[in-house]
Amino acid sequence: MEKELNIVGILVDNRPEYAPEVQRVITDFGRCILGRFGIPDPGDRDGLITLVMECDEETRRQMIKRLEDIPGLSLNHMHISRSH
């Protein structure tokens, strides 16, 4: 399958409770993560994570599904087409 470039934004509510599970998912898909940028809330409750990924569509869907199963998360993703 062809690899695609994707950006995934994850807003974590109640970071102390949900961050460990989010981290497990991110680690499981680490082979296709090109970059990760995390911003904690100054109040230490919430956080924002942005991932840049290069993977096939099925792998992206699997990761998104696992993240959607975690309560307290809001996420969005976009595919970036490469011009060849």
Foldseek 3Di string as FASTA:
>chain_A
DAKFKKKKKKKAFQCVVQVVQLVVLCVVLVVFWPDKDKDADPVRGMIMMMTIGIGDPVSVVVSVVSVVVGPRMDMDMDTDDDDD
